[in-house]
Structures are given as C-alpha cells and as structure tokens.
Amino acid sequence: MGWFSFLMSHWVRPYLPAQFAGCRLHGLNFEGDPGRYATGRARFLDAEEKAYKRHLAHLAMDVDTASAGSAMDRLSRIYDCILIDEVQDLNGYDLEVLDALINAQIELRLVGDVRQATLFTNPQDPKNKQYKGIKIKTWFEDQEKAGRLSIDHQNQTWRSNQAIADFADSVFDPSWGFAKTKSANTAVTGHDGVFQLAQVDVMAYVEQFDPLCLRSSAATAKEIDLPFSTFGSAKGMEAERVLIWPTGPIMDFIKRGKELKPLSSCALYVAITRARSSVAVVVPKPVECDLPLWSPD
C-alpha cells in the first residue's frame, strides 16, 4: 500500500478517538492547508473529518501516543515484516514514524537510493529539515552508528553501461562518500556512452536515435518541439537512449565542473540513469570538456 494509506489504515483510523473524542476518519484531504496557526483538531482534520495530508505523519504519532502505544502494538500483531521502498522520499514527521518502526518488534527492511531524492512525502514539513533530500543519508548513518540498523550498500547497475554509470557518479562531490558504480551492462550498440550534442544537430539526433527527451521543467527549451518529459516524471522510466536539455547550472557543471546543489544533483542523476546505452547532453555550441561531440557526420 502507499505510505499515506499505511498511516491512515494502521495508525490513525483505529485509534483516532483516543486523540479526538468522537472523531472518525473519513478520508484524506490531499491538497488542503489548515493554516499556519491552526491548533488542536483543526490542525489535523478538516470539517468533514478528513485528515490533512500535510500533517498526517504528525497525527499518526500523536494518535499512537494518545492510545498508549496501541497503534504500534496492533501493527506488530498483524505483521512480522514490513518492507518500505523508495525510503529516500520520506521527510519531516515521516522520519519519526520510521524511528518508531525501528523500535518495534517487527522486522523492517528499507530500500532506496538517496541519490534519487527528488520527491518528498511532505515538502513543506519543517520537522527534521536537516535530513531532507539527499541529507537523509546522514540520518541512516546516524542510526547505524547507534546500532539501530545496518546499511547494505548495493553499487551494481544492470541498466546503464559503465560510461553512463561513471558520468552519473561524477554528478556528486566525492565528499558524499558514494561508492563507485559497477555496471553489468556490457552490450555494444555502436552508439554507446555520453556525448555532447550541439543544438543545431538535435533534430538529426532525435530522428536517428529516438531518445527519451528530458528537461528540468516546462520552462526549459519551451521553444523546441520535442516529446519532453521532466526529470521528476522520468523517475522509474528506462530507455535505450536519453537526450538531456540542461539548465544553466548543469551547463556550468559540464563546462567547468562547478558543483551542483544537492537537489539539482539528484535530478540530473535521475535523468542520466534512465539510459541503458547512451546519453546526449544538448549544448548551445560545442564546448571543451570530457564529453565527445556527436555530429550527423
């Protein structure tokens, strides 16, 4: 089940009256905002007794406390093991829920790639903001140091070839401490690796290779008629070839190796690693860098 369904079904719904007498949960208010200064019941539930998604994890923890731990006790009697995928997307009070699950008598397995931390369960939640995005890596490392979990690093990819994997690795500063990715993709197609592509040759490239075309947002390359997807929406996709229309900061990274901000690094990493065989980065004109230039010739 989805994360929000998990919180509603197993935390909030069974014991909500322990927190707010006489209340029954009637669903999720996904977009609603109770307001910055709302308190008590009005902070967590709308007039129809639907829980505000924005504060759902906070409500789940409060309900568990109000029920003297009954929500967690019930959960441990239902499940022997809980598996959470895309765990890097958790933030704010969701980390408090995760902390409670680690303490529970339930086997817990978490899977994720912190380098793909581009989406957040609650983007505006200020709780645990020091661990937001790629910085959740520190949260897991702190838990491991405390002996509360163990981290098993997997650095092999079966999708991208080694040249693409190396380029994706280079997006992050070595200070992050990520292990070098090893590729198990040894296929040779005749057009393999990472290239720079001059804007004047974009249409010829698209006609020849039919790549997945990616950009950061609809505001980028809006004058170009290509079937673009955004970096964020491409998460989970896979393609033989990828064309990336870069932002200004990405161009600075390509040309001068200028370090990207964490969220930009994660977004570019997601875009690059959609590809199996080749990645083409569009440039206004050829630049001096480590990427070879593709041309119709």
Protein backbone atom coordinates (compact mmCIF):
# COMPACT_ATOMS: atom_id res chain seq x y z
CA MET A 1 0.00 0.00 0.00
CA GLY A 2 1.02 3.62 -0.37
CA TRP A 3 2.65 5.47 2.52
CA PHE A 4 -0.38 7.66 3.26
CA SER A 5 -2.74 4.67 3.14
CA PHE A 6 -0.41 2.91 5.58
CA LEU A 7 -0.56 5.79 8.04
CA MET A 8 -4.33 6.14 7.79
CA SER A 9 -5.17 2.42 7.93
CA HIS A 10 -2.81 1.30 10.67
CA TRP A 11 -2.11 4.37 12.76
CA VAL A 12 -4.84 6.99 12.56
CA ARG A 13 -8.15 5.22 11.82
CA PRO A 14 -8.16 2.56 14.58
CA TYR A 15 -7.33 4.91 17.46
CA LEU A 16 -8.27 8.44 16.33
CA PRO A 17 -10.90 8.75 19.12
CA ALA A 18 -8.12 8.39 21.67
CA GLN A 19 -6.74 11.69 20.35
CA PHE A 20 -10.00 13.44 19.46
CA ALA A 21 -13.07 12.02 21.23
CA GLY A 22 -15.93 11.07 18.96
CA CYS A 23 -13.97 11.54 15.72
CA ARG A 24 -13.94 9.05 12.86
CA LEU A 25 -11.55 9.28 9.94
CA HIS A 26 -13.41 9.90 6.68
CA GLY A 27 -10.51 10.06 4.25
CA LEU A 28 -7.54 12.19 3.24
CA ASN A 29 -7.51 15.88 2.37
CA PHE A 30 -4.62 15.78 -0.07
CA GLU A 31 -4.27 19.45 -1.01
CA GLY A 32 -5.85 21.24 1.94
CA ASP A 33 -3.98 23.55 4.29
CA PRO A 34 -5.32 24.13 7.81
CA GLY A 35 -3.29 27.31 8.08
CA ARG A 36 -0.07 28.10 9.80
CA TYR A 37 -1.61 28.88 13.17
CA ALA A 38 -4.26 26.14 13.37
CA THR A 39 -4.08 24.11 16.57
CA GLY A 40 -5.68 21.02 18.05
CA ARG A 41 -8.21 19.14 15.98
CA ALA A 42 -8.40 21.90 13.34
CA ARG A 43 -4.71 21.42 12.58
CA PHE A 44 -5.13 17.77 11.63
CA LEU A 45 -8.73 17.33 10.42
CA ASP A 46 -10.98 19.37 8.15
CA ALA A 47 -14.69 19.96 8.69
CA GLU A 48 -15.51 16.59 7.08
CA GLU A 49 -13.09 14.78 9.40
CA LYS A 50 -10.64 14.11 6.60
CA ALA A 51 -7.00 14.17 7.68
CA TYR A 52 -4.77 16.81 6.15
CA LYS A 53 -2.03 15.02 4.22
CA ARG A 54 0.36 17.78 5.25
CA HIS A 55 0.20 16.75 8.92
CA LEU A 56 -0.75 13.09 8.59
CA ALA A 57 2.51 11.65 9.95
CA HIS A 58 2.38 14.06 12.90
CA LEU A 59 -1.20 12.99 13.60
CA ALA A 60 -0.19 9.32 13.39
CA MET A 61 2.46 9.80 16.06
CA ASP A 62 0.10 11.79 18.30
CA VAL A 63 -2.59 9.11 17.98
CA ASP A 64 -0.12 6.39 18.91
CA THR A 65 0.91 8.38 21.99
CA ALA A 66 -2.70 9.11 22.96
CA SER A 67 -3.55 5.41 22.69
CA ALA A 68 -0.59 4.48 24.93
CA GLY A 69 1.21 2.79 22.05
CA SER A 70 -1.81 0.75 20.95
CA ALA A 71 -1.38 1.66 17.28
CA MET A 72 2.15 0.27 17.19
CA ASP A 73 1.17 -2.74 19.30
CA ARG A 74 -1.65 -3.56 16.88
CA LEU A 75 0.68 -3.20 13.91
CA SER A 76 3.22 -5.59 15.42
CA ARG A 77 0.46 -8.20 15.95
CA ILE A 78 -0.57 -8.01 12.28
CA TYR A 79 2.80 -8.00 10.53
CA ASP A 80 6.02 -9.96 11.08
CA CYS A 81 7.89 -7.92 8.48
CA ILE A 82 7.36 -4.54 6.82
CA LEU A 83 9.18 -3.52 3.65
CA ILE A 84 9.41 0.14 2.60
CA ASP A 85 10.53 1.05 -0.92
CA GLU A 86 11.77 4.48 -2.10
CA VAL A 87 12.62 5.24 1.51
CA GLN A 88 14.73 8.25 0.46
CA ASP A 89 11.48 10.16 -0.22
CA LEU A 90 10.47 10.24 3.46
CA ASN A 91 10.96 13.53 5.27
CA GLY A 92 9.63 15.58 8.16
CA TYR A 93 7.47 13.69 10.66
CA ASP A 94 7.66 10.60 8.45
CA LEU A 95 11.14 10.06 9.89
CA GLU A 96 9.55 9.99 13.35
CA VAL A 97 7.26 7.21 12.12
CA LEU A 98 10.27 5.38 10.70
CA ASP A 99 12.08 5.80 14.01
CA ALA A 100 9.10 4.23 15.83
CA LEU A 101 9.05 1.30 13.40
CA ILE A 102 12.75 0.67 14.03
CA ASN A 103 11.95 0.39 17.74
CA ALA A 104 9.04 -2.00 17.17
CA GLN A 105 9.07 -5.79 17.37
CA ILE A 106 8.73 -6.03 13.59
CA GLU A 107 11.39 -6.95 11.06
CA LEU A 108 11.94 -3.85 8.96
CA ARG A 109 13.59 -3.74 5.53
CA LEU A 110 14.15 -0.41 3.80
CA VAL A 111 15.15 0.05 0.17
CA GLY A 112 16.14 3.26 -1.55
CA ASP A 113 18.73 5.32 -3.39
CA VAL A 114 19.46 8.62 -1.66
CA ARG A 115 20.90 9.95 -4.92
CA GLN A 116 17.34 9.89 -6.28
CA ALA A 117 15.89 12.04 -3.50
CA THR A 118 13.89 14.35 -5.77
CA LEU A 119 10.40 13.78 -4.35
CA PHE A 120 9.24 14.34 -0.78
CA THR A 121 6.28 12.96 1.13
CA ASN A 122 5.75 16.38 2.75
CA PRO A 123 7.81 19.11 1.03
CA GLN A 124 6.75 21.86 3.45
CA ASP A 125 7.21 19.95 6.71
CA PRO A 126 9.99 21.67 8.70
CA LYS A 127 10.46 18.70 11.07
CA ASN A 128 13.87 17.03 10.65
CA LYS A 129 14.77 19.53 7.93
CA GLN A 130 18.46 18.77 8.49
CA TYR A 131 17.81 15.36 6.91
CA LYS A 132 15.76 16.49 3.93
CA GLY A 133 16.56 15.19 0.45
CA ILE A 134 19.96 13.64 -0.07
CA LYS A 135 20.85 14.54 3.52
CA ILE A 136 18.69 11.62 4.65
CA LYS A 137 21.91 9.69 4.07
CA THR A 138 23.17 11.20 7.33
CA TRP A 139 20.04 10.08 9.18
CA PHE A 140 20.62 6.45 8.18
CA GLU A 141 24.32 6.68 9.03
CA ASP A 142 23.46 8.08 12.46
CA GLN A 143 21.05 5.19 13.05
CA GLU A 144 23.71 2.68 12.03
CA LYS A 145 26.26 4.25 14.38
CA ALA A 146 23.75 3.90 17.20
CA GLY A 147 23.36 0.20 16.40
CA ARG A 148 19.70 0.54 15.41
CA LEU A 149 20.03 -0.66 11.82
CA SER A 150 22.64 -1.88 9.36
CA ILE A 151 23.22 -0.47 5.88
CA ASP A 152 23.89 -2.81 2.97
CA HIS A 153 25.31 -0.84 0.04
CA GLN A 154 24.48 -2.08 -3.46
CA ASN A 155 26.58 -0.36 -6.11
CA GLN A 156 25.90 -2.51 -9.17
CA THR A 157 23.65 -1.46 -12.04
CA TRP A 158 22.19 -3.77 -14.67
CA ARG A 159 20.76 -0.87 -16.68
CA SER A 160 23.37 1.75 -17.59
CA ASN A 161 26.67 0.86 -19.22
CA GLN A 162 29.89 1.75 -17.41
CA ALA A 163 30.40 5.08 -19.21
CA ILE A 164 26.93 6.26 -18.22
CA ALA A 165 27.40 4.97 -14.66
CA ASP A 166 30.70 6.85 -14.37
CA PHE A 167 29.10 10.07 -15.62
CA ALA A 168 26.23 9.69 -13.16
CA ASP A 169 28.71 9.13 -10.31
CA SER A 170 30.55 12.35 -11.25
CA VAL A 171 27.44 14.42 -10.56
CA PHE A 172 28.07 14.12 -6.80
CA ASP A 173 31.04 15.60 -5.00
CA PRO A 174 33.38 12.90 -3.59
CA SER A 175 32.71 14.27 -0.09
CA TRP A 176 29.33 12.49 -0.16
CA GLY A 177 31.23 9.21 0.01
CA PHE A 178 29.27 7.24 -2.58
CA ALA A 179 30.94 4.06 -3.81
CA LYS A 180 31.82 3.85 -7.50
CA THR A 181 29.03 2.21 -9.50
CA LYS A 182 29.86 -1.01 -11.31
CA SER A 183 27.92 -1.83 -14.46
CA ALA A 184 26.83 -5.32 -15.51
CA ASN A 185 25.62 -3.96 -18.87
CA THR A 186 28.22 -4.98 -21.46
CA ALA A 187 26.01 -4.59 -24.55
CA VAL A 188 27.56 -2.81 -27.55
CA THR A 189 25.17 -0.96 -29.88
CA GLY A 190 27.53 1.18 -31.96
CA HIS A 191 26.49 4.37 -30.16
CA ASP A 192 27.38 3.95 -26.51
CA GLY A 193 28.40 6.32 -23.74
CA VAL A 194 27.84 10.02 -23.01
CA PHE A 195 28.06 12.76 -25.63
CA GLN A 196 27.63 16.48 -26.05
CA LEU A 197 25.18 17.44 -28.78
CA ALA A 198 25.09 20.85 -30.47
CA GLN A 199 21.63 22.40 -30.63
CA VAL A 200 21.77 22.61 -34.44
CA ASP A 201 22.05 18.81 -34.58
CA VAL A 202 19.28 17.97 -32.12
CA MET A 203 16.61 17.10 -34.68
CA ALA A 204 19.03 14.93 -36.67
CA TYR A 205 19.95 13.10 -33.48
CA VAL A 206 16.32 12.58 -32.49
CA GLU A 207 15.45 11.29 -35.95
CA GLN A 208 18.32 8.80 -35.90
CA PHE A 209 18.13 7.54 -32.30
CA ASP A 210 14.62 8.36 -30.98
CA PRO A 211 15.86 9.11 -27.42
CA LEU A 212 13.81 9.76 -24.31
CA CYS A 213 13.91 13.59 -24.16
CA LEU A 214 14.24 15.08 -20.68
CA ARG A 215 14.30 18.60 -19.23
CA SER A 216 14.07 20.03 -15.74
CA SER A 217 10.68 21.72 -16.26
CA ALA A 218 8.35 23.03 -18.94
CA ALA A 219 10.14 26.38 -18.71
CA THR A 220 13.27 24.83 -20.26
CA ALA A 221 13.53 24.56 -24.06
CA LYS A 222 9.88 25.57 -24.41
CA GLU A 223 10.52 26.78 -27.95
CA ILE A 224 11.68 23.30 -29.04
CA ASP A 225 9.08 20.85 -30.34
CA LEU A 226 10.20 17.60 -28.75
CA PRO A 227 8.26 14.99 -26.71
CA PHE A 228 9.79 16.09 -23.41
CA SER A 229 9.31 14.53 -20.01
CA THR A 230 10.66 16.22 -16.91
CA PHE A 231 13.48 14.85 -14.77
CA GLY A 232 10.99 14.27 -11.96
CA SER A 233 8.36 12.50 -14.03
CA ALA A 234 11.05 10.29 -15.61
CA LYS A 235 11.79 8.65 -12.28
CA GLY A 236 11.15 4.94 -12.75
CA MET A 237 11.46 5.12 -16.54
CA GLU A 238 14.03 3.25 -18.62
CA ALA A 239 15.16 3.87 -22.22
CA GLU A 240 17.87 2.78 -24.61
CA ARG A 241 18.94 6.39 -25.15
CA VAL A 242 18.35 9.68 -23.33
CA LEU A 243 18.63 13.29 -24.51
CA ILE A 244 19.04 15.88 -21.75
CA TRP A 245 18.33 19.58 -22.24
CA PRO A 246 20.37 21.13 -19.44
CA THR A 247 19.71 24.07 -17.14
CA GLY A 248 22.29 26.82 -16.63
CA PRO A 249 23.79 25.15 -13.53
CA ILE A 250 24.04 21.82 -15.40
CA MET A 251 25.89 23.58 -18.22
CA ASP A 252 28.29 25.05 -15.64
CA PHE A 253 28.85 21.53 -14.34
CA ILE A 254 29.52 20.22 -17.86
CA LYS A 255 31.84 23.04 -18.88
CA ARG A 256 33.67 23.86 -15.66
CA GLY A 257 32.89 21.06 -13.25
CA LYS A 258 31.07 23.51 -10.96
CA GLU A 259 29.38 21.65 -8.13
CA LEU A 260 25.60 21.38 -8.34
CA LYS A 261 23.23 21.97 -5.45
CA PRO A 262 22.00 18.71 -3.88
CA LEU A 263 18.51 18.74 -5.40
CA SER A 264 19.91 19.56 -8.87
CA SER A 265 22.47 16.77 -8.49
CA CYS A 266 19.73 14.27 -7.66
CA ALA A 267 17.53 15.42 -10.55
CA LEU A 268 20.39 15.16 -13.06
CA TYR A 269 21.37 11.77 -11.67
CA VAL A 270 17.82 10.50 -12.22
CA ALA A 271 17.86 11.81 -15.80
CA ILE A 272 21.21 10.23 -16.67
CA THR A 273 20.44 6.83 -15.17
CA ARG A 274 17.29 6.31 -17.23
CA ALA A 275 19.58 5.31 -20.13
CA ARG A 276 20.97 1.90 -20.97
CA SER A 277 23.31 2.70 -23.89
CA SER A 278 23.75 6.44 -24.49
CA VAL A 279 23.16 9.91 -23.08
CA ALA A 280 23.35 13.11 -25.14
CA VAL A 281 23.59 16.48 -23.38
CA VAL A 282 22.49 19.40 -25.56
CA VAL A 283 24.88 22.37 -25.67
CA PRO A 284 24.37 25.73 -27.45
CA LYS A 285 27.66 25.10 -29.21
CA PRO A 286 30.48 22.56 -28.72
CA VAL A 287 32.44 23.07 -25.50
CA GLU A 288 35.80 21.88 -24.28
CA CYS A 289 35.07 19.07 -21.83
CA ASP A 290 35.49 15.34 -21.40
CA LEU A 291 32.38 14.53 -23.43
CA PRO A 292 32.91 13.69 -27.11
CA LEU A 293 30.83 15.62 -29.65
CA TRP A 294 28.25 13.77 -31.71
CA SER A 295 27.57 15.09 -35.19
CA PRO A 296 25.50 13.80 -38.14
CA ASP A 297 28.77 13.13 -39.99
